[in-house]
Amino acid sequence: MRSGWRSPIVLLPAFASLPVFLFPSCTAPGTAPGAVEGEVNKVADGDTLTLVTRDGTRLKVRLYGIDAPEIRHESQPGQPYGEEAKDALEKKISRRIVRLDIVERDPYERTVAIVFLGTRVINEEMVKEGFAWAYRKYLHGPYASGFIGAENEAREKKRGLWNQPNPTPPWEFKREAWR
């Protein structure tokens, strides 16, 4: 008998349940590991919110795959449609129970996630309604084509920020205006 050796079959259940242990009290019964449910108690801007889980855990959440126009931050100026994007996100999900499908943690320690209200994909709705860009730099996998298609539709129909002649993406705006 070998000392310290474990069969991969024995260890598989331990590794398979690892995401549940990362958010032990946040995962609602019947949801997939990495899924978290809670109430949106604050919307900071058009792509950032705070979620409170049933056990009181607070998560700062960045909506995956989108970038909304910047709002004014202390001495930093905001962009056109920044406040409108924040208002649109608040109207959709403020004080509502949503589900997050967690993608990753970003360098600012925010949870990056797809936000669902029932079957609605809120991230994609924000792009489709012209309140955000599909953030191609960080957009990968199964949502990429849907988000890019939603942006193209918003551009064609001149929805929201696309009503402007040449809107500046937030990543360019911050580089120029927030130096």
Protein backbone atom coordinates (compact mmCIF):
# COMPACT_ATOMS: atom_id res chain seq x y z
CA MET A 1 0.00 0.00 0.00
CA ARG A 2 1.41 3.37 -1.05
CA SER A 3 1.44 6.15 1.51
CA GLY A 4 0.01 9.53 0.44
CA TRP A 5 -1.35 8.30 -2.92
CA ARG A 6 -4.98 9.03 -3.82
CA SER A 7 -6.89 7.69 -6.78
CA PRO A 8 -7.95 10.40 -9.25
CA ILE A 9 -11.46 8.96 -9.08
CA VAL A 10 -11.59 9.60 -5.33
CA LEU A 11 -10.36 13.19 -5.75
CA LEU A 12 -12.69 14.06 -8.63
CA PRO A 13 -15.74 14.85 -6.44
CA ALA A 14 -13.60 17.15 -4.28
CA PHE A 15 -12.40 19.15 -7.29
CA ALA A 16 -15.82 19.18 -8.96
CA SER A 17 -17.35 20.89 -5.93
CA LEU A 18 -14.54 23.45 -5.54
CA PRO A 19 -16.51 26.39 -7.09
CA VAL A 20 -19.27 25.84 -4.52
CA PHE A 21 -16.72 26.25 -1.72
CA LEU A 22 -15.46 29.50 -3.22
CA PHE A 23 -18.92 31.00 -2.66
CA PRO A 24 -20.35 28.53 -0.10
CA SER A 25 -23.36 30.45 1.14
CA CYS A 26 -23.93 32.43 -2.04
CA THR A 27 -24.83 29.55 -4.31
CA ALA A 28 -28.55 29.02 -4.28
CA PRO A 29 -29.95 25.49 -4.31
CA GLY A 30 -30.54 24.34 -7.87
CA THR A 31 -28.10 26.78 -9.48
CA ALA A 32 -24.87 25.85 -11.19
CA PRO A 33 -21.56 26.15 -9.34
CA GLY A 34 -20.22 29.65 -9.96
CA ALA A 35 -23.76 31.03 -10.06
CA VAL A 36 -24.74 33.46 -7.32
CA GLU A 37 -28.14 34.97 -6.56
CA GLY A 38 -28.86 38.12 -4.64
CA GLU A 39 -30.47 41.53 -4.59
CA VAL A 40 -28.96 44.48 -6.40
CA ASN A 41 -28.70 47.17 -3.74
CA LYS A 42 -26.61 49.73 -5.65
CA VAL A 43 -25.82 50.64 -9.24
CA ALA A 44 -22.57 52.61 -9.45
CA ASP A 45 -22.66 53.26 -13.19
CA GLY A 46 -23.79 51.60 -16.42
CA ASP A 47 -21.61 48.52 -15.96
CA THR A 48 -21.01 48.17 -12.20
CA LEU A 49 -23.32 47.18 -9.34
CA THR A 50 -23.32 45.87 -5.79
CA LEU A 51 -25.12 42.61 -5.06
CA VAL A 52 -26.12 41.39 -1.60
CA THR A 53 -26.60 37.64 -1.26
CA ARG A 54 -29.16 36.04 1.05
CA ASP A 55 -26.52 35.63 3.76
CA GLY A 56 -25.54 39.31 3.54
CA THR A 57 -22.35 38.91 1.51
CA ARG A 58 -21.72 42.03 -0.59
CA LEU A 59 -20.19 41.60 -4.02
CA LYS A 60 -19.03 44.46 -6.24
CA VAL A 61 -19.87 43.27 -9.75
CA ARG A 62 -18.58 44.40 -13.13
CA LEU A 63 -20.82 43.37 -16.03
CA TYR A 64 -18.83 41.05 -18.27
CA GLY A 65 -18.15 41.97 -21.89
CA ILE A 66 -19.49 45.53 -21.91
CA ASP A 67 -18.18 49.03 -21.24
CA ALA A 68 -20.63 51.84 -20.53
CA PRO A 69 -19.91 55.57 -20.88
CA GLU A 70 -18.19 57.04 -17.83
CA ILE A 71 -20.04 59.08 -15.24
CA ARG A 72 -18.43 61.95 -13.36
CA HIS A 73 -16.04 60.75 -10.62
CA GLU A 74 -14.99 63.45 -8.12
CA SER A 75 -12.81 65.74 -10.26
CA GLN A 76 -12.93 63.50 -13.35
CA PRO A 77 -15.46 64.50 -16.05
CA GLY A 78 -18.16 62.18 -17.32
CA GLN A 79 -19.16 61.36 -20.89
CA PRO A 80 -22.38 61.83 -22.80
CA TYR A 81 -24.83 59.00 -21.98
CA GLY A 82 -22.96 58.04 -18.80
CA GLU A 83 -25.82 59.05 -16.50
CA GLU A 84 -28.39 57.63 -18.93
CA ALA A 85 -26.58 54.27 -18.88
CA LYS A 86 -26.54 54.27 -15.08
CA ASP A 87 -30.26 55.16 -14.98
CA ALA A 88 -31.09 52.41 -17.50
CA LEU A 89 -29.26 49.76 -15.45
CA GLU A 90 -30.95 50.98 -12.25
CA LYS A 91 -34.40 50.76 -13.85
CA LYS A 92 -33.71 47.21 -15.02
CA ILE A 93 -32.31 45.65 -11.85
CA SER A 94 -32.20 47.95 -8.80
CA ARG A 95 -33.72 46.16 -5.76
CA ARG A 96 -34.36 43.09 -7.91
CA ILE A 97 -33.15 39.53 -7.36
CA VAL A 98 -30.68 38.60 -10.12
CA ARG A 99 -28.42 35.66 -10.88
CA LEU A 100 -24.76 36.09 -11.68
CA ASP A 101 -22.83 33.62 -13.79
CA ILE A 102 -19.35 34.44 -12.58
CA VAL A 103 -16.65 34.68 -15.22
CA GLU A 104 -13.66 35.89 -13.16
CA ARG A 105 -12.29 38.40 -10.65
CA ASP A 106 -10.73 41.52 -12.12
CA PRO A 107 -7.59 43.35 -10.91
CA TYR A 108 -9.83 45.66 -8.81
CA GLU A 109 -11.21 42.64 -6.90
CA ARG A 110 -14.63 42.94 -8.56
CA THR A 111 -16.63 39.89 -9.55
CA VAL A 112 -16.99 39.92 -13.34
CA ALA A 113 -20.23 38.25 -14.36
CA ILE A 114 -23.10 37.80 -16.76
CA VAL A 115 -26.19 39.23 -15.01
CA PHE A 116 -29.52 37.49 -15.50
CA LEU A 117 -32.95 38.78 -14.54
CA GLY A 118 -35.02 35.67 -15.12
CA THR A 119 -33.97 34.64 -18.63
CA ARG A 120 -32.92 38.16 -19.68
CA VAL A 121 -29.20 38.76 -20.20
CA ILE A 122 -28.82 42.28 -18.80
CA ASN A 123 -25.30 42.79 -20.18
CA GLU A 124 -26.52 42.22 -23.73
CA GLU A 125 -29.63 44.38 -23.20
CA MET A 126 -27.44 47.32 -22.18
CA VAL A 127 -25.51 47.01 -25.45
CA LYS A 128 -28.60 46.43 -27.61
CA GLU A 129 -30.31 49.53 -26.20
CA GLY A 130 -27.27 51.72 -26.90
CA PHE A 131 -26.09 52.20 -23.30
CA ALA A 132 -22.77 50.36 -23.66
CA TRP A 133 -20.18 49.05 -26.08
CA ALA A 134 -19.44 45.37 -26.59
CA TYR A 135 -16.02 45.39 -24.91
CA ARG A 136 -14.17 43.33 -27.50
CA LYS A 137 -10.85 43.47 -25.64
CA TYR A 138 -12.30 41.33 -22.83
CA LEU A 139 -15.16 39.62 -24.66
CA HIS A 140 -14.60 35.94 -25.42
CA GLY A 141 -16.55 32.73 -25.71
CA PRO A 142 -20.23 32.13 -26.25
CA TYR A 143 -21.43 35.70 -25.61
CA ALA A 144 -19.11 37.47 -28.07
CA SER A 145 -21.25 37.16 -31.20
CA GLY A 146 -24.46 38.10 -29.37
CA PHE A 147 -22.95 41.20 -27.77
CA ILE A 148 -21.27 42.33 -31.01
CA GLY A 149 -24.50 41.73 -32.93
CA ALA A 150 -26.40 43.76 -30.32
CA GLU A 151 -23.93 46.64 -30.71
CA ASN A 152 -24.23 46.52 -34.50
CA GLU A 153 -28.04 46.67 -34.21
CA ALA A 154 -27.87 49.62 -31.79
CA ARG A 155 -25.49 51.46 -34.16
CA GLU A 156 -27.72 50.84 -37.20
CA LYS A 157 -30.84 52.01 -35.36
CA LYS A 158 -28.98 54.93 -33.69
CA ARG A 159 -30.11 53.90 -30.21
CA GLY A 160 -28.80 55.66 -27.14
CA LEU A 161 -25.17 56.73 -27.44
CA TRP A 162 -25.19 55.81 -31.13
CA ASN A 163 -27.45 58.82 -31.72
CA GLN A 164 -24.24 60.89 -31.47
CA PRO A 165 -22.19 61.43 -34.64
CA ASN A 166 -18.99 59.81 -33.34
CA PRO A 167 -19.24 58.55 -29.73
CA THR A 168 -15.95 58.05 -27.90
CA PRO A 169 -15.52 54.64 -26.27
CA PRO A 170 -14.89 54.81 -22.49
CA TRP A 171 -11.41 53.27 -22.74
CA GLU A 172 -10.36 56.11 -25.10
CA PHE A 173 -12.20 58.77 -23.08
CA LYS A 174 -10.38 57.78 -19.86
CA ARG A 175 -7.01 57.76 -21.61
CA GLU A 176 -7.56 61.32 -22.89
CA ALA A 177 -9.71 63.05 -20.24
CA TRP A 178 -8.52 61.32 -17.05
CA ARG A 179 -4.76 61.72 -17.45
